[in-house]
Amino acid sequence: MRTTLTIDDDHLDKAKAAAAKLRAPFRHVVNEALRIGLQMIEDTPPRSRPYQTHPHKMGLKAGRNLGNIQALLSQIEGEDHR
């Protein structure tokens, strides 16, 4: 099938160089490159959105103070905790 494509100059140069190196027709090199590239796209699993968490401030309950950690732990865990 014939079709018209616009190929960037750098890709065109690489394809022509590959065709010359392989001593293969230019259309064969382009078709093979498309075949390989399209297969890679098909084989790549779809990207899923990354898992995200949204932080929020929890704050301290009334009557709690971070100035004395031992006292805070005693309030939270109870005096008999050990």
PDB file of N, CA and C in Angstrom:
ATOM      1  N   MET A   1       0.836  -1.169   0.000  1.00  0.00           N
ATOM      2  CA  MET A   1       0.000   0.000   0.000  1.00  0.00           C
ATOM      3  C   MET A   1       0.888   1.241   0.000  1.00  0.00           C
ATOM      4  N   ARG A   2       0.544   2.211  -0.762  1.00  0.00           N
ATOM      5  CA  ARG A   2       1.308   3.451  -0.820  1.00  0.00           C
ATOM      6  C   ARG A   2       0.636   4.505   0.044  1.00  0.00           C
ATOM      7  N   THR A   3       1.464   5.268   0.719  1.00  0.00           N
ATOM      8  CA  THR A   3       0.977   6.407   1.497  1.00  0.00           C
ATOM      9  C   THR A   3       2.086   7.438   1.581  1.00  0.00           C
ATOM     10  N   THR A   4       1.737   8.635   1.953  1.00  0.00           N
ATOM     11  CA  THR A   4       2.729   9.702   2.077  1.00  0.00           C
ATOM     12  C   THR A   4       2.928  10.003   3.551  1.00  0.00           C
ATOM     13  N   LEU A   5       4.178  10.004   3.977  1.00  0.00           N
ATOM     14  CA  LEU A   5       4.530  10.314   5.362  1.00  0.00           C
ATOM     15  C   LEU A   5       5.505  11.480   5.379  1.00  0.00           C
ATOM     16  N   THR A   6       5.447  12.239   6.447  1.00  0.00           N
ATOM     17  CA  THR A   6       6.449  13.265   6.672  1.00  0.00           C
ATOM     18  C   THR A   6       7.386  12.737   7.748  1.00  0.00           C
ATOM     19  N   ILE A   7       8.637  12.563   7.395  1.00  0.00           N
ATOM     20  CA  ILE A   7       9.636  12.009   8.312  1.00  0.00           C
ATOM     21  C   ILE A   7      10.638  13.103   8.633  1.00  0.00           C
ATOM     22  N   ASP A   8      10.940  13.249   9.919  1.00  0.00           N
ATOM     23  CA  ASP A   8      11.948  14.235  10.323  1.00  0.00           C
ATOM     24  C   ASP A   8      13.274  13.916   9.654  1.00  0.00           C
ATOM     25  N   ASP A   9      14.028  14.957   9.366  1.00  0.00           N
ATOM     26  CA  ASP A   9      15.294  14.800   8.640  1.00  0.00           C
ATOM     27  C   ASP A   9      16.269  13.860   9.342  1.00  0.00           C
ATOM     28  N   ASP A  10      16.363  13.967  10.678  1.00  0.00           N
ATOM     29  CA  ASP A  10      17.318  13.113  11.391  1.00  0.00           C
ATOM     30  C   ASP A  10      16.928  11.638  11.294  1.00  0.00           C
ATOM     31  N   HIS A  11      15.635  11.348  11.328  1.00  0.00           N
ATOM     32  CA  HIS A  11      15.186   9.961  11.198  1.00  0.00           C
ATOM     33  C   HIS A  11      15.373   9.459   9.765  1.00  0.00           C
ATOM     34  N   LEU A  12      15.139  10.328   8.824  1.00  0.00           N
ATOM     35  CA  LEU A  12      15.330   9.961   7.423  1.00  0.00           C
ATOM     36  C   LEU A  12      16.790   9.607   7.157  1.00  0.00           C
ATOM     37  N   ASP A  13      17.703  10.417   7.689  1.00  0.00           N
ATOM     38  CA  ASP A  13      19.136  10.142   7.515  1.00  0.00           C
ATOM     39  C   ASP A  13      19.525   8.801   8.138  1.00  0.00           C
ATOM     40  N   LYS A  14      18.995   8.526   9.333  1.00  0.00           N
ATOM     41  CA  LYS A  14      19.308   7.249   9.997  1.00  0.00           C
ATOM     42  C   LYS A  14      18.759   6.065   9.210  1.00  0.00           C
ATOM     43  N   ALA A  15      17.553   6.202   8.683  1.00  0.00           N
ATOM     44  CA  ALA A  15      16.944   5.114   7.909  1.00  0.00           C
ATOM     45  C   ALA A  15      17.713   4.872   6.614  1.00  0.00           C
ATOM     46  N   LYS A  16      18.132   5.942   5.950  1.00  0.00           N
ATOM     47  CA  LYS A  16      18.916   5.782   4.725  1.00  0.00           C
ATOM     48  C   LYS A  16      20.273   5.145   5.021  1.00  0.00           C
ATOM     49  N   ALA A  17      20.894   5.545   6.132  1.00  0.00           N
ATOM     50  CA  ALA A  17      22.182   4.969   6.518  1.00  0.00           C
ATOM     51  C   ALA A  17      22.028   3.488   6.846  1.00  0.00           C
ATOM     52  N   ALA A  18      20.943   3.134   7.533  1.00  0.00           N
ATOM     53  CA  ALA A  18      20.705   1.727   7.863  1.00  0.00           C
ATOM     54  C   ALA A  18      20.466   0.914   6.600  1.00  0.00           C
ATOM     55  N   ALA A  19      19.722   1.479   5.666  1.00  0.00           N
ATOM     56  CA  ALA A  19      19.467   0.776   4.404  1.00  0.00           C
ATOM     57  C   ALA A  19      20.761   0.542   3.641  1.00  0.00           C
ATOM     58  N   ALA A  20      21.639   1.542   3.645  1.00  0.00           N
ATOM     59  CA  ALA A  20      22.923   1.387   2.948  1.00  0.00           C
ATOM     60  C   ALA A  20      23.794   0.351   3.655  1.00  0.00           C
ATOM     61  N   LYS A  21      23.820   0.394   4.975  1.00  0.00           N
ATOM     62  CA  LYS A  21      24.645  -0.548   5.745  1.00  0.00           C
ATOM     63  C   LYS A  21      24.165  -1.984   5.547  1.00  0.00           C
ATOM     64  N   LEU A  22      22.851  -2.165   5.546  1.00  0.00           N
ATOM     65  CA  LEU A  22      22.278  -3.510   5.402  1.00  0.00           C
ATOM     66  C   LEU A  22      22.138  -3.940   3.938  1.00  0.00           C
ATOM     67  N   ARG A  23      22.409  -2.995   3.030  1.00  0.00           N
ATOM     68  CA  ARG A  23      22.207  -3.244   1.601  1.00  0.00           C
ATOM     69  C   ARG A  23      20.795  -3.756   1.342  1.00  0.00           C
ATOM     70  N   ALA A  24      19.844  -3.067   1.986  1.00  0.00           N
ATOM     71  CA  ALA A  24      18.432  -3.422   1.870  1.00  0.00           C
ATOM     72  C   ALA A  24      17.677  -2.221   1.303  1.00  0.00           C
ATOM     73  N   PRO A  25      16.543  -2.470   0.686  1.00  0.00           N
ATOM     74  CA  PRO A  25      15.741  -1.354   0.181  1.00  0.00           C
ATOM     75  C   PRO A  25      15.279  -0.445   1.330  1.00  0.00           C
ATOM     76  N   PHE A  26      15.213   0.838   1.032  1.00  0.00           N
ATOM     77  CA  PHE A  26      14.805   1.827   2.022  1.00  0.00           C
ATOM     78  C   PHE A  26      13.432   1.490   2.598  1.00  0.00           C
ATOM     79  N   ARG A  27      12.488   1.104   1.751  1.00  0.00           N
ATOM     80  CA  ARG A  27      11.136   0.800   2.236  1.00  0.00           C
ATOM     81  C   ARG A  27      11.135  -0.395   3.185  1.00  0.00           C
ATOM     82  N   HIS A  28      12.037  -1.363   2.957  1.00  0.00           N
ATOM     83  CA  HIS A  28      12.141  -2.519   3.856  1.00  0.00           C
ATOM     84  C   HIS A  28      12.618  -2.086   5.242  1.00  0.00           C
ATOM     85  N   VAL A  29      13.609  -1.214   5.285  1.00  0.00           N
ATOM     86  CA  VAL A  29      14.135  -0.729   6.560  1.00  0.00           C
ATOM     87  C   VAL A  29      13.063   0.055   7.319  1.00  0.00           C
ATOM     88  N   VAL A  30      12.340   0.926   6.617  1.00  0.00           N
ATOM     89  CA  VAL A  30      11.286   1.714   7.259  1.00  0.00           C
ATOM     90  C   VAL A  30      10.165   0.802   7.769  1.00  0.00           C
ATOM     91  N   ASN A  31       9.758  -0.170   6.962  1.00  0.00           N
ATOM     92  CA  ASN A  31       8.701  -1.092   7.393  1.00  0.00           C
ATOM     93  C   ASN A  31       9.133  -1.909   8.605  1.00  0.00           C
ATOM     94  N   GLU A  32      10.374  -2.375   8.591  1.00  0.00           N
ATOM     95  CA  GLU A  32      10.863  -3.168   9.723  1.00  0.00           C
ATOM     96  C   GLU A  32      10.939  -2.318  10.992  1.00  0.00           C
ATOM     97  N   ALA A  33      11.399  -1.069  10.868  1.00  0.00           N
ATOM     98  CA  ALA A  33      11.466  -0.164  12.024  1.00  0.00           C
ATOM     99  C   ALA A  33      10.066   0.099  12.573  1.00  0.00           C
ATOM    100  N   LEU A  34       9.098   0.311  11.690  1.00  0.00           N
ATOM    101  CA  LEU A  34       7.715   0.502  12.137  1.00  0.00           C
ATOM    102  C   LEU A  34       7.181  -0.748  12.826  1.00  0.00           C
ATOM    103  N   ARG A  35       7.465  -1.903  12.250  1.00  0.00           N
ATOM    104  CA  ARG A  35       6.996  -3.171  12.821  1.00  0.00           C
ATOM    105  C   ARG A  35       7.539  -3.355  14.246  1.00  0.00           C
ATOM    106  N   ILE A  36       8.832  -3.106  14.417  1.00  0.00           N
ATOM    107  CA  ILE A  36       9.464  -3.257  15.739  1.00  0.00           C
ATOM    108  C   ILE A  36       8.912  -2.219  16.715  1.00  0.00           C
ATOM    109  N   GLY A  37       8.816  -0.983  16.260  1.00  0.00           N
ATOM    110  CA  GLY A  37       8.314   0.078  17.134  1.00  0.00           C
ATOM    111  C   GLY A  37       6.878  -0.138  17.559  1.00  0.00           C
ATOM    112  N   LEU A  38       6.035  -0.551  16.630  1.00  0.00           N
ATOM    113  CA  LEU A  38       4.638  -0.799  16.968  1.00  0.00           C
ATOM    114  C   LEU A  38       4.490  -2.002  17.900  1.00  0.00           C
ATOM    115  N   GLN A  39       5.330  -3.008  17.730  1.00  0.00           N
ATOM    116  CA  GLN A  39       5.287  -4.166  18.623  1.00  0.00           C
ATOM    117  C   GLN A  39       5.664  -3.757  20.044  1.00  0.00           C
ATOM    118  N   MET A  40       6.653  -2.875  20.159  1.00  0.00           N
ATOM    119  CA  MET A  40       7.050  -2.392  21.488  1.00  0.00           C
ATOM    120  C   MET A  40       5.904  -1.634  22.148  1.00  0.00           C
ATOM    121  N   ILE A  41       5.175  -0.850  21.377  1.00  0.00           N
ATOM    122  CA  ILE A  41       4.035  -0.117  21.925  1.00  0.00           C
ATOM    123  C   ILE A  41       2.955  -1.088  22.393  1.00  0.00           C
ATOM    124  N   GLU A  42       2.695  -2.117  21.610  1.00  0.00           N
ATOM    125  CA  GLU A  42       1.684  -3.106  21.988  1.00  0.00           C
ATOM    126  C   GLU A  42       2.090  -3.883  23.235  1.00  0.00           C
ATOM    127  N   ASP A  43       3.381  -4.177  23.381  1.00  0.00           N
ATOM    128  CA  ASP A  43       3.862  -4.980  24.502  1.00  0.00           C
ATOM    129  C   ASP A  43       3.992  -4.183  25.794  1.00  0.00           C
ATOM    130  N   THR A  44       3.984  -2.868  25.718  1.00  0.00           N
ATOM    131  CA  THR A  44       4.137  -2.038  26.906  1.00  0.00           C
ATOM    132  C   THR A  44       2.813  -2.000  27.657  1.00  0.00           C
ATOM    133  N   PRO A  45       2.830  -2.359  28.948  1.00  0.00           N
ATOM    134  CA  PRO A  45       1.579  -2.323  29.709  1.00  0.00           C
ATOM    135  C   PRO A  45       1.098  -0.874  29.860  1.00  0.00           C
ATOM    136  N   PRO A  46      -0.199  -0.689  29.922  1.00  0.00           N
ATOM    137  CA  PRO A  46      -0.712   0.669  30.075  1.00  0.00           C
ATOM    138  C   PRO A  46      -0.279   1.267  31.407  1.00  0.00           C
ATOM    139  N   ARG A  47      -0.014   2.543  31.386  1.00  0.00           N
ATOM    140  CA  ARG A  47       0.405   3.221  32.611  1.00  0.00           C
ATOM    141  C   ARG A  47      -0.800   3.442  33.507  1.00  0.00           C
ATOM    142  N   SER A  48      -0.622   3.079  34.752  1.00  0.00           N
ATOM    143  CA  SER A  48      -1.673   3.369  35.715  1.00  0.00           C
ATOM    144  C   SER A  48      -1.260   4.606  36.504  1.00  0.00           C
ATOM    145  N   ARG A  49      -2.232   5.285  37.007  1.00  0.00           N
ATOM    146  CA  ARG A  49      -1.925   6.475  37.788  1.00  0.00           C
ATOM    147  C   ARG A  49      -1.256   6.049  39.087  1.00  0.00           C
ATOM    148  N   PRO A  50      -0.191   6.746  39.489  1.00  0.00           N
ATOM    149  CA  PRO A  50       0.484   6.373  40.738  1.00  0.00           C
ATOM    150  C   PRO A  50      -0.422   6.612  41.931  1.00  0.00           C
ATOM    151  N   TYR A  51      -0.266   5.758  42.919  1.00  0.00           N
ATOM    152  CA  TYR A  51      -1.039   5.879  44.152  1.00  0.00           C
ATOM    153  C   TYR A  51      -0.619   7.136  44.883  1.00  0.00           C
ATOM    154  N   GLN A  52      -1.578   7.925  45.314  1.00  0.00           N
ATOM    155  CA  GLN A  52      -1.268   9.154  46.016  1.00  0.00           C
ATOM    156  C   GLN A  52      -2.043   9.222  47.318  1.00  0.00           C
ATOM    157  N   THR A  53      -1.408   9.771  48.305  1.00  0.00           N
ATOM    158  CA  THR A  53      -2.079  10.050  49.570  1.00  0.00           C
ATOM    159  C   THR A  53      -2.115  11.554  49.760  1.00  0.00           C
ATOM    160  N   HIS A  54      -3.087  12.007  50.492  1.00  0.00           N
ATOM    161  CA  HIS A  54      -3.230  13.429  50.740  1.00  0.00           C
ATOM    162  C   HIS A  54      -3.112  13.669  52.244  1.00  0.00           C
ATOM    163  N   PRO A  55      -2.047  14.333  52.675  1.00  0.00           N
ATOM    164  CA  PRO A  55      -1.854  14.554  54.107  1.00  0.00           C
ATOM    165  C   PRO A  55      -2.835  15.588  54.651  1.00  0.00           C
ATOM    166  N   HIS A  56      -3.119  15.464  55.909  1.00  0.00           N
ATOM    167  CA  HIS A  56      -3.927  16.470  56.585  1.00  0.00           C
ATOM    168  C   HIS A  56      -3.430  16.602  58.022  1.00  0.00           C
ATOM    169  N   LYS A  57      -3.609  17.774  58.581  1.00  0.00           N
ATOM    170  CA  LYS A  57      -3.146  18.017  59.938  1.00  0.00           C
ATOM    171  C   LYS A  57      -4.069  17.307  60.923  1.00  0.00           C
ATOM    172  N   MET A  58      -3.460  16.610  61.857  1.00  0.00           N
ATOM    173  CA  MET A  58      -4.246  15.929  62.872  1.00  0.00           C
ATOM    174  C   MET A  58      -4.243  16.735  64.173  1.00  0.00           C
ATOM    175  N   GLY A  59      -3.152  17.411  64.439  1.00  0.00           N
ATOM    176  CA  GLY A  59      -3.090  18.234  65.638  1.00  0.00           C
ATOM    177  C   GLY A  59      -3.105  17.410  66.918  1.00  0.00           C
ATOM    178  N   LEU A  60      -3.006  18.085  68.045  1.00  0.00           N
ATOM    179  CA  LEU A  60      -3.061  17.437  69.356  1.00  0.00           C
ATOM    180  C   LEU A  60      -4.415  17.684  69.993  1.00  0.00           C
ATOM    181  N   LYS A  61      -4.865  16.735  70.769  1.00  0.00           N
ATOM    182  CA  LYS A  61      -6.100  16.935  71.521  1.00  0.00           C
ATOM    183  C   LYS A  61      -5.858  17.997  72.581  1.00  0.00           C
ATOM    184  N   ALA A  62      -6.924  18.618  72.987  1.00  0.00           N
ATOM    185  CA  ALA A  62      -6.823  19.638  74.033  1.00  0.00           C
ATOM    186  C   ALA A  62      -6.237  19.023  75.301  1.00  0.00           C
ATOM    187  N   GLY A  63      -5.346  19.747  75.963  1.00  0.00           N
ATOM    188  CA  GLY A  63      -4.738  19.266  77.198  1.00  0.00           C
ATOM    189  C   GLY A  63      -3.456  18.478  76.972  1.00  0.00           C
ATOM    190  N   ARG A  64      -3.083  18.234  75.736  1.00  0.00           N
ATOM    191  CA  ARG A  64      -1.839  17.504  75.436  1.00  0.00           C
ATOM    192  C   ARG A  64      -0.755  18.525  75.108  1.00  0.00           C
ATOM    193  N   ASN A  65       0.495  18.230  75.491  1.00  0.00           N
ATOM    194  CA  ASN A  65       1.598  19.159  75.286  1.00  0.00           C
ATOM    195  C   ASN A  65       2.817  18.384  74.824  1.00  0.00           C
ATOM    196  N   LEU A  66       3.457  18.850  73.743  1.00  0.00           N
ATOM    197  CA  LEU A  66       4.646  18.175  73.231  1.00  0.00           C
ATOM    198  C   LEU A  66       5.909  18.577  73.981  1.00  0.00           C
ATOM    199  N   GLY A  67       5.795  19.497  74.925  1.00  0.00           N
ATOM    200  CA  GLY A  67       6.968  19.968  75.662  1.00  0.00           C
ATOM    201  C   GLY A  67       7.596  18.879  76.517  1.00  0.00           C
ATOM    202  N   ASN A  68       6.823  17.963  77.031  1.00  0.00           N
ATOM    203  CA  ASN A  68       7.325  16.895  77.887  1.00  0.00           C
ATOM    204  C   ASN A  68       6.810  15.577  77.319  1.00  0.00           C
ATOM    205  N   ILE A  69       7.652  14.887  76.578  1.00  0.00           N
ATOM    206  CA  ILE A  69       7.250  13.660  75.899  1.00  0.00           C
ATOM    207  C   ILE A  69       6.875  12.567  76.902  1.00  0.00           C
ATOM    208  N   GLN A  70       7.622  12.455  77.990  1.00  0.00           N
ATOM    209  CA  GLN A  70       7.321  11.426  78.995  1.00  0.00           C
ATOM    210  C   GLN A  70       5.917  11.618  79.563  1.00  0.00           C
ATOM    211  N   ALA A  71       5.570  12.862  79.870  1.00  0.00           N
ATOM    212  CA  ALA A  71       4.233  13.133  80.410  1.00  0.00           C
ATOM    213  C   ALA A  71       3.169  12.830  79.364  1.00  0.00           C
ATOM    214  N   LEU A  72       3.435  13.180  78.118  1.00  0.00           N
ATOM    215  CA  LEU A  72       2.491  12.914  77.047  1.00  0.00           C
ATOM    216  C   LEU A  72       2.275  11.412  76.874  1.00  0.00           C
ATOM    217  N   LEU A  73       3.362  10.634  76.885  1.00  0.00           N
ATOM    218  CA  LEU A  73       3.237   9.176  76.773  1.00  0.00           C
ATOM    219  C   LEU A  73       2.469   8.593  77.955  1.00  0.00           C
ATOM    220  N   SER A  74       2.699   9.113  79.122  1.00  0.00           N
ATOM    221  CA  SER A  74       1.974   8.645  80.309  1.00  0.00           C
ATOM    222  C   SER A  74       0.492   8.922  80.165  1.00  0.00           C
ATOM    223  N   GLN A  75       0.138  10.090  79.648  1.00  0.00           N
ATOM    224  CA  GLN A  75      -1.269  10.422  79.447  1.00  0.00           C
ATOM    225  C   GLN A  75      -1.903   9.497  78.420  1.00  0.00           C
ATOM    226  N   ILE A  76      -1.184   9.236  77.343  1.00  0.00           N
ATOM    227  CA  ILE A  76      -1.731   8.432  76.248  1.00  0.00           C
ATOM    228  C   ILE A  76      -1.822   6.956  76.646  1.00  0.00           C
ATOM    229  N   GLU A  77      -0.733   6.418  77.184  1.00  0.00           N
ATOM    230  CA  GLU A  77      -0.657   4.975  77.464  1.00  0.00           C
ATOM    231  C   GLU A  77      -1.163   4.612  78.836  1.00  0.00           C
ATOM    232  N   GLY A  78      -1.197   5.571  79.728  1.00  0.00           N
ATOM    233  CA  GLY A  78      -1.611   5.275  81.114  1.00  0.00           C
ATOM    234  C   GLY A  78      -0.373   5.018  81.951  1.00  0.00           C
ATOM    235  N   GLU A  79      -0.465   5.322  83.214  1.00  0.00           N
ATOM    236  CA  GLU A  79       0.669   5.185  84.137  1.00  0.00           C
ATOM    237  C   GLU A  79       1.120   3.742  84.298  1.00  0.00           C
ATOM    238  N   ASP A  80       0.212   2.784  84.215  1.00  0.00           N
ATOM    239  CA  ASP A  80       0.537   1.370  84.462  1.00  0.00           C
ATOM    240  C   ASP A  80       1.115   0.677  83.239  1.00  0.00           C
ATOM    241  N   HIS A  81       1.235   1.378  82.139  1.00  0.00           N
ATOM    242  CA  HIS A  81       1.716   0.760  80.895  1.00  0.00           C
ATOM    243  C   HIS A  81       3.215   0.510  80.952  1.00  0.00           C
ATOM    244  N   ARG A  82       3.668  -0.688  80.743  1.00  0.00           N
ATOM    245  CA  ARG A  82       5.069  -1.068  80.655  1.00  0.00           C
ATOM    246  C   ARG A  82       5.187  -2.507  80.300  1.00  0.00           C
TER     247      ARG A  82
END
